[in-house]
Amino acid sequence: QIASAVQVSSTMAIDALAKQMKADGVDVIGFGAGE
């Protein structure tokens, strides 16, 4: 139950989506991840 209740990180989710769009050739600028 404890493990199943853990939610995905919103920062990592946004960063992953932006990187996928970039990989698809979309000119996305990322301000999501703290890196």
All heavy atoms as atom14 arrays in JSON, in Angstrom:
{
  "sequence": "QIASAVQVSSTMAIDALAKQMKADGVDVIGFGAGE",
  "atom14_mask": [
    [1, 1, 1, 1, 1, 1, 1, 1, 1, 0, 0, 0, 0, 0],
    [1, 1, 1, 1, 1, 1, 1, 1, 0, 0, 0, 0, 0, 0],
    [1, 1, 1, 1, 1, 0, 0, 0, 0, 0, 0, 0, 0, 0],
    [1, 1, 1, 1, 1, 1, 0, 0, 0, 0, 0, 0, 0, 0],
    [1, 1, 1, 1, 1, 0, 0, 0, 0, 0, 0, 0, 0, 0],
    [1, 1, 1, 1, 1, 1, 1, 0, 0, 0, 0, 0, 0, 0],
    [1, 1, 1, 1, 1, 1, 1, 1, 1, 0, 0, 0, 0, 0],
    [1, 1, 1, 1, 1, 1, 1, 0, 0, 0, 0, 0, 0, 0],
    [1, 1, 1, 1, 1, 1, 0, 0, 0, 0, 0, 0, 0, 0],
    [1, 1, 1, 1, 1, 1, 0, 0, 0, 0, 0, 0, 0, 0],
    [1, 1, 1, 1, 1, 1, 1, 0, 0, 0, 0, 0, 0, 0],
    [1, 1, 1, 1, 1, 1, 1, 1, 0, 0, 0, 0, 0, 0],
    [1, 1, 1, 1, 1, 0, 0, 0, 0, 0, 0, 0, 0, 0],
    [1, 1, 1, 1, 1, 1, 1, 1, 0, 0, 0, 0, 0, 0],
    [1, 1, 1, 1, 1, 1, 1, 1, 0, 0, 0, 0, 0, 0],
    [1, 1, 1, 1, 1, 0, 0, 0, 0, 0, 0, 0, 0, 0],
    [1, 1, 1, 1, 1, 1, 1, 1, 0, 0, 0, 0, 0, 0],
    [1, 1, 1, 1, 1, 0, 0, 0, 0, 0, 0, 0, 0, 0],
    [1, 1, 1, 1, 1, 1, 1, 1, 1, 0, 0, 0, 0, 0],
    [1, 1, 1, 1, 1, 1, 1, 1, 1, 0, 0, 0, 0, 0],
    [1, 1, 1, 1, 1, 1, 1, 1, 0, 0, 0, 0, 0, 0],
    [1, 1, 1, 1, 1, 1, 1, 1, 1, 0, 0, 0, 0, 0],
    [1, 1, 1, 1, 1, 0, 0, 0, 0, 0, 0, 0, 0, 0],
    [1, 1, 1, 1, 1, 1, 1, 1, 0, 0, 0, 0, 0, 0],
    [1, 1, 1, 1, 0, 0, 0, 0, 0, 0, 0, 0, 0, 0],
    [1, 1, 1, 1, 1, 1, 1, 0, 0, 0, 0, 0, 0, 0],
    [1, 1, 1, 1, 1, 1, 1, 1, 0, 0, 0, 0, 0, 0],
    [1, 1, 1, 1, 1, 1, 1, 0, 0, 0, 0, 0, 0, 0],
    [1, 1, 1, 1, 1, 1, 1, 1, 0, 0, 0, 0, 0, 0],
    [1, 1, 1, 1, 0, 0, 0, 0, 0, 0, 0, 0, 0, 0],
    [1, 1, 1, 1, 1, 1, 1, 1, 1, 1, 1, 0, 0, 0],
    [1, 1, 1, 1, 0, 0, 0, 0, 0, 0, 0, 0, 0, 0],
    [1, 1, 1, 1, 1, 0, 0, 0, 0, 0, 0, 0, 0, 0],
    [1, 1, 1, 1, 0, 0, 0, 0, 0, 0, 0, 0, 0, 0],
    [1, 1, 1, 1, 1, 1, 1, 1, 1, 0, 0, 0, 0, 0]
  ],
  "atom14_positions": [
    [[0.82, -1.21, 0.0], [0.0, 0.0, 0.0], [0.86, 1.26, 0.0], [0.55, 2.23, -0.71], [-0.94, -0.01, 1.21], [-2.01, -1.07, 1.14], [-2.93, -1.05, 2.36], [-2.7, -0.28, 3.29], [-3.94, -1.89, 2.37], [0.0, 0.0, 0.0], [0.0, 0.0, 0.0], [0.0, 0.0, 0.0], [0.0, 0.0, 0.0], [0.0, 0.0, 0.0]],
    [[1.93, 1.27, 0.79], [2.77, 2.46, 0.86], [3.41, 2.72, -0.5], [3.41, 3.85, -1.01], [3.85, 2.31, 1.95], [3.21, 2.39, 3.34], [4.93, 3.39, 1.8], [4.19, 2.21, 4.48], [0.0, 0.0, 0.0], [0.0, 0.0, 0.0], [0.0, 0.0, 0.0], [0.0, 0.0, 0.0], [0.0, 0.0, 0.0], [0.0, 0.0, 0.0]],
    [[3.95, 1.68, -1.13], [4.6, 1.85, -2.42], [3.61, 2.27, -3.5], [3.91, 3.11, -4.36], [5.31, 0.56, -2.83], [0.0, 0.0, 0.0], [0.0, 0.0, 0.0], [0.0, 0.0, 0.0], [0.0, 0.0, 0.0], [0.0, 0.0, 0.0], [0.0, 0.0, 0.0], [0.0, 0.0, 0.0], [0.0, 0.0, 0.0], [0.0, 0.0, 0.0]],
    [[2.42, 1.7, -3.46], [1.42, 2.0, -4.48], [0.91, 3.43, -4.38], [0.41, 3.99, -5.36], [0.24, 1.03, -4.36], [0.67, -0.3, -4.56], [0.0, 0.0, 0.0], [0.0, 0.0, 0.0], [0.0, 0.0, 0.0], [0.0, 0.0, 0.0], [0.0, 0.0, 0.0], [0.0, 0.0, 0.0], [0.0, 0.0, 0.0], [0.0, 0.0, 0.0]],
    [[1.03, 4.02, -3.2], [0.53, 5.38, -3.0], [1.52, 6.45, -3.45], [1.16, 7.62, -3.54], [0.19, 5.6, -1.53], [0.0, 0.0, 0.0], [0.0, 0.0, 0.0], [0.0, 0.0, 0.0], [0.0, 0.0, 0.0], [0.0, 0.0, 0.0], [0.0, 0.0, 0.0], [0.0, 0.0, 0.0], [0.0, 0.0, 0.0], [0.0, 0.0, 0.0]],
    [[2.75, 6.08, -3.76], [3.76, 7.05, -4.16], [3.43, 7.59, -5.55], [3.16, 6.82, -6.48], [5.17, 6.42, -4.15], [6.2, 7.41, -4.69], [5.53, 5.98, -2.74], [0.0, 0.0, 0.0], [0.0, 0.0, 0.0], [0.0, 0.0, 0.0], [0.0, 0.0, 0.0], [0.0, 0.0, 0.0], [0.0, 0.0, 0.0], [0.0, 0.0, 0.0]],
    [[3.46, 8.91, -5.69], [3.13, 9.57, -6.94], [4.39, 9.88, -7.75], [5.47, 10.07, -7.19], [2.37, 10.87, -6.68], [1.08, 10.68, -5.9], [0.06, 9.85, -6.65], [-0.23, 10.12, -7.82], [-0.47, 8.82, -6.0], [0.0, 0.0, 0.0], [0.0, 0.0, 0.0], [0.0, 0.0, 0.0], [0.0, 0.0, 0.0], [0.0, 0.0, 0.0]],
    [[4.24, 9.95, -9.07], [5.36, 10.31, -9.93], [5.78, 11.75, -9.67], [4.94, 12.59, -9.33], [4.99, 10.11, -11.42], [3.91, 11.1, -11.84], [6.21, 10.25, -12.32], [0.0, 0.0, 0.0], [0.0, 0.0, 0.0], [0.0, 0.0, 0.0], [0.0, 0.0, 0.0], [0.0, 0.0, 0.0], [0.0, 0.0, 0.0], [0.0, 0.0, 0.0]],
    [[7.08, 12.03, -9.78], [7.58, 13.39, -9.6], [7.12, 14.27, -10.75], [7.39, 13.96, -11.92], [9.12, 13.37, -9.53], [9.63, 14.68, -9.67], [0.0, 0.0, 0.0], [0.0, 0.0, 0.0], [0.0, 0.0, 0.0], [0.0, 0.0, 0.0], [0.0, 0.0, 0.0], [0.0, 0.0, 0.0], [0.0, 0.0, 0.0], [0.0, 0.0, 0.0]],
    [[6.45, 15.38, -10.43], [5.96, 16.26, -11.49], [7.12, 16.93, -12.24], [7.03, 17.17, -13.44], [5.03, 17.33, -10.89], [5.69, 18.07, -9.89], [0.0, 0.0, 0.0], [0.0, 0.0, 0.0], [0.0, 0.0, 0.0], [0.0, 0.0, 0.0], [0.0, 0.0, 0.0], [0.0, 0.0, 0.0], [0.0, 0.0, 0.0], [0.0, 0.0, 0.0]],
    [[8.23, 17.21, -11.54], [9.37, 17.83, -12.21], [10.0, 16.85, -13.2], [10.35, 17.21, -14.32], [10.42, 18.28, -11.19], [10.81, 17.17, -10.37], [9.89, 19.39, -10.32], [0.0, 0.0, 0.0], [0.0, 0.0, 0.0], [0.0, 0.0, 0.0], [0.0, 0.0, 0.0], [0.0, 0.0, 0.0], [0.0, 0.0, 0.0], [0.0, 0.0, 0.0]],
    [[10.13, 15.59, -12.8], [10.71, 14.6, -13.7], [9.78, 14.3, -14.87], [10.23, 14.08, -16.0], [11.01, 13.31, -12.93], [12.13, 13.44, -11.91], [13.72, 13.82, -12.68], [14.15, 15.34, -11.83], [0.0, 0.0, 0.0], [0.0, 0.0, 0.0], [0.0, 0.0, 0.0], [0.0, 0.0, 0.0], [0.0, 0.0, 0.0], [0.0, 0.0, 0.0]],
    [[8.48, 14.32, -14.62], [7.51, 14.04, -15.69], [7.56, 15.12, -16.76], [7.56, 14.83, -17.96], [6.1, 13.93, -15.09], [0.0, 0.0, 0.0], [0.0, 0.0, 0.0], [0.0, 0.0, 0.0], [0.0, 0.0, 0.0], [0.0, 0.0, 0.0], [0.0, 0.0, 0.0], [0.0, 0.0, 0.0], [0.0, 0.0, 0.0], [0.0, 0.0, 0.0]],
    [[7.6, 16.39, -16.33], [7.67, 17.5, -17.28], [8.99, 17.45, -18.06], [9.02, 17.63, -19.28], [7.55, 18.85, -16.55], [6.1, 19.05, -16.06], [7.96, 20.01, -17.45], [5.1, 19.34, -17.15], [0.0, 0.0, 0.0], [0.0, 0.0, 0.0], [0.0, 0.0, 0.0], [0.0, 0.0, 0.0], [0.0, 0.0, 0.0], [0.0, 0.0, 0.0]],
    [[10.08, 17.18, -17.35], [11.38, 17.12, -18.01], [11.42, 15.99, -19.04], [11.95, 16.17, -20.15], [12.48, 16.92, -16.96], [13.88, 17.05, -17.55], [14.15, 18.08, -18.18], [14.69, 16.13, -17.37], [0.0, 0.0, 0.0], [0.0, 0.0, 0.0], [0.0, 0.0, 0.0], [0.0, 0.0, 0.0], [0.0, 0.0, 0.0], [0.0, 0.0, 0.0]],
    [[10.85, 14.85, -18.69], [10.83, 13.72, -19.62], [10.01, 14.04, -20.87], [10.41, 13.7, -21.99], [10.28, 12.48, -18.92], [0.0, 0.0, 0.0], [0.0, 0.0, 0.0], [0.0, 0.0, 0.0], [0.0, 0.0, 0.0], [0.0, 0.0, 0.0], [0.0, 0.0, 0.0], [0.0, 0.0, 0.0], [0.0, 0.0, 0.0], [0.0, 0.0, 0.0]],
    [[8.86, 14.71, -20.68], [8.02, 15.06, -21.82], [8.73, 16.06, -22.73], [8.69, 15.93, -23.96], [6.69, 15.65, -21.32], [5.7, 16.11, -22.4], [5.35, 14.97, -23.34], [4.44, 16.68, -21.74], [0.0, 0.0, 0.0], [0.0, 0.0, 0.0], [0.0, 0.0, 0.0], [0.0, 0.0, 0.0], [0.0, 0.0, 0.0], [0.0, 0.0, 0.0]],
    [[9.39, 17.05, -22.13], [10.1, 18.05, -22.93], [11.23, 17.4, -23.72], [11.43, 17.72, -24.91], [10.66, 19.14, -22.01], [0.0, 0.0, 0.0], [0.0, 0.0, 0.0], [0.0, 0.0, 0.0], [0.0, 0.0, 0.0], [0.0, 0.0, 0.0], [0.0, 0.0, 0.0], [0.0, 0.0, 0.0], [0.0, 0.0, 0.0], [0.0, 0.0, 0.0]],
    [[11.96, 16.48, -23.09], [13.05, 15.8, -23.78], [12.53, 14.93, -24.92], [13.16, 14.82, -25.98], [13.86, 14.96, -22.79], [14.74, 15.81, -21.87], [15.49, 14.98, -20.85], [16.39, 15.85, -19.99], [17.07, 15.1, -18.91], [0.0, 0.0, 0.0], [0.0, 0.0, 0.0], [0.0, 0.0, 0.0], [0.0, 0.0, 0.0], [0.0, 0.0, 0.0]],
    [[11.36, 14.31, -24.72], [10.78, 13.5, -25.79], [10.36, 14.37, -26.96], [10.58, 14.01, -28.13], [9.57, 12.73, -25.26], [8.92, 11.81, -26.29], [9.87, 10.78, -26.85], [10.5, 10.04, -26.1], [10.01, 10.73, -28.17], [0.0, 0.0, 0.0], [0.0, 0.0, 0.0], [0.0, 0.0, 0.0], [0.0, 0.0, 0.0], [0.0, 0.0, 0.0]],
    [[9.78, 15.54, -26.67], [9.4, 16.46, -27.74], [10.63, 16.95, -28.51], [10.61, 17.05, -29.73], [8.62, 17.65, -27.17], [7.23, 17.28, -26.63], [6.36, 18.65, -25.83], [5.98, 19.68, -27.25], [0.0, 0.0, 0.0], [0.0, 0.0, 0.0], [0.0, 0.0, 0.0], [0.0, 0.0, 0.0], [0.0, 0.0, 0.0], [0.0, 0.0, 0.0]],
    [[11.71, 17.22, -27.78], [12.96, 17.61, -28.44], [13.46, 16.5, -29.34], [13.91, 16.74, -30.47], [14.02, 17.97, -27.39], [13.84, 19.31, -26.74], [15.0, 19.58, -25.78], [14.84, 20.91, -25.07], [15.96, 21.18, -24.14], [0.0, 0.0, 0.0], [0.0, 0.0, 0.0], [0.0, 0.0, 0.0], [0.0, 0.0, 0.0], [0.0, 0.0, 0.0]],
    [[13.4, 15.26, -28.83], [13.85, 14.11, -29.62], [13.01, 13.94, -30.88], [13.5, 13.44, -31.9], [13.79, 12.85, -28.77], [0.0, 0.0, 0.0], [0.0, 0.0, 0.0], [0.0, 0.0, 0.0], [0.0, 0.0, 0.0], [0.0, 0.0, 0.0], [0.0, 0.0, 0.0], [0.0, 0.0, 0.0], [0.0, 0.0, 0.0], [0.0, 0.0, 0.0]],
    [[11.76, 14.38, -30.82], [10.86, 14.31, -31.98], [11.04, 15.5, -32.92], [10.28, 15.64, -33.88], [9.41, 14.24, -31.51], [9.1, 12.94, -30.77], [9.85, 11.96, -30.97], [8.13, 12.92, -29.99], [0.0, 0.0, 0.0], [0.0, 0.0, 0.0], [0.0, 0.0, 0.0], [0.0, 0.0, 0.0], [0.0, 0.0, 0.0], [0.0, 0.0, 0.0]],
    [[12.0, 16.36, -32.62], [12.29, 17.48, -33.5], [11.56, 18.75, -33.17], [11.6, 19.71, -33.95], [0.0, 0.0, 0.0], [0.0, 0.0, 0.0], [0.0, 0.0, 0.0], [0.0, 0.0, 0.0], [0.0, 0.0, 0.0], [0.0, 0.0, 0.0], [0.0, 0.0, 0.0], [0.0, 0.0, 0.0], [0.0, 0.0, 0.0], [0.0, 0.0, 0.0]],
    [[10.87, 18.82, -32.03], [10.13, 20.02, -31.64], [11.07, 20.96, -30.89], [11.85, 20.53, -30.03], [8.92, 19.66, -30.75], [8.15, 20.92, -30.36], [8.02, 18.66, -31.44], [0.0, 0.0, 0.0], [0.0, 0.0, 0.0], [0.0, 0.0, 0.0], [0.0, 0.0, 0.0], [0.0, 0.0, 0.0], [0.0, 0.0, 0.0], [0.0, 0.0, 0.0]],
    [[11.01, 22.23, -31.21], [11.9, 23.22, -30.61], [11.38, 23.66, -29.24], [10.85, 24.76, -29.06], [12.02, 24.44, -31.54], [12.94, 25.52, -30.98], [13.82, 25.17, -30.18], [12.75, 26.7, -31.33], [0.0, 0.0, 0.0], [0.0, 0.0, 0.0], [0.0, 0.0, 0.0], [0.0, 0.0, 0.0], [0.0, 0.0, 0.0], [0.0, 0.0, 0.0]],
    [[11.54, 22.78, -28.26], [11.07, 23.04, -26.9], [12.23, 23.59, -26.06], [13.36, 23.12, -26.16], [10.52, 21.75, -26.25], [10.26, 21.97, -24.77], [9.25, 21.32, -26.95], [0.0, 0.0, 0.0], [0.0, 0.0, 0.0], [0.0, 0.0, 0.0], [0.0, 0.0, 0.0], [0.0, 0.0, 0.0], [0.0, 0.0, 0.0], [0.0, 0.0, 0.0]],
    [[11.92, 24.58, -25.24], [12.89, 25.1, -24.27], [12.47, 24.61, -22.88], [11.32, 24.82, -22.48], [12.97, 26.63, -24.3], [13.33, 27.11, -25.7], [14.01, 27.13, -23.29], [13.31, 28.62, -25.85], [0.0, 0.0, 0.0], [0.0, 0.0, 0.0], [0.0, 0.0, 0.0], [0.0, 0.0, 0.0], [0.0, 0.0, 0.0], [0.0, 0.0, 0.0]],
    [[13.37, 23.97, -22.18], [13.04, 23.38, -20.89], [13.45, 24.23, -19.7], [14.61, 24.65, -19.6], [0.0, 0.0, 0.0], [0.0, 0.0, 0.0], [0.0, 0.0, 0.0], [0.0, 0.0, 0.0], [0.0, 0.0, 0.0], [0.0, 0.0, 0.0], [0.0, 0.0, 0.0], [0.0, 0.0, 0.0], [0.0, 0.0, 0.0], [0.0, 0.0, 0.0]],
    [[12.49, 24.52, -18.81], [12.76, 25.2, -17.56], [12.25, 24.36, -16.39], [11.86, 24.89, -15.36], [12.08, 26.58, -17.53], [12.65, 27.56, -18.52], [12.14, 27.64, -19.81], [13.7, 28.4, -18.18], [12.65, 28.54, -20.74], [14.22, 29.3, -19.09], [13.71, 29.37, -20.38], [0.0, 0.0, 0.0], [0.0, 0.0, 0.0], [0.0, 0.0, 0.0]],
    [[12.25, 23.03, -16.6], [11.62, 22.16, -15.62], [12.57, 21.61, -14.58], [12.38, 21.82, -13.38], [0.0, 0.0, 0.0], [0.0, 0.0, 0.0], [0.0, 0.0, 0.0], [0.0, 0.0, 0.0], [0.0, 0.0, 0.0], [0.0, 0.0, 0.0], [0.0, 0.0, 0.0], [0.0, 0.0, 0.0], [0.0, 0.0, 0.0], [0.0, 0.0, 0.0]],
    [[13.6, 20.89, -14.99], [14.44, 20.18, -14.03], [15.43, 21.12, -13.35], [15.93, 22.07, -13.95], [15.2, 19.06, -14.73], [0.0, 0.0, 0.0], [0.0, 0.0, 0.0], [0.0, 0.0, 0.0], [0.0, 0.0, 0.0], [0.0, 0.0, 0.0], [0.0, 0.0, 0.0], [0.0, 0.0, 0.0], [0.0, 0.0, 0.0], [0.0, 0.0, 0.0]],
    [[15.72, 20.84, -12.08], [16.68, 21.62, -11.32], [18.08, 21.1, -11.52], [18.67, 20.51, -10.61], [0.0, 0.0, 0.0], [0.0, 0.0, 0.0], [0.0, 0.0, 0.0], [0.0, 0.0, 0.0], [0.0, 0.0, 0.0], [0.0, 0.0, 0.0], [0.0, 0.0, 0.0], [0.0, 0.0, 0.0], [0.0, 0.0, 0.0], [0.0, 0.0, 0.0]],
    [[18.62, 21.34, -12.71], [19.93, 20.79, -13.05], [20.77, 21.87, -13.73], [20.38, 22.4, -14.77], [19.74, 19.59, -13.98], [21.03, 18.92, -14.39], [20.78, 17.61, -15.13], [19.88, 17.58, -16.0], [21.48, 16.63, -14.84], [0.0, 0.0, 0.0], [0.0, 0.0, 0.0], [0.0, 0.0, 0.0], [0.0, 0.0, 0.0], [0.0, 0.0, 0.0]]
  ]
}
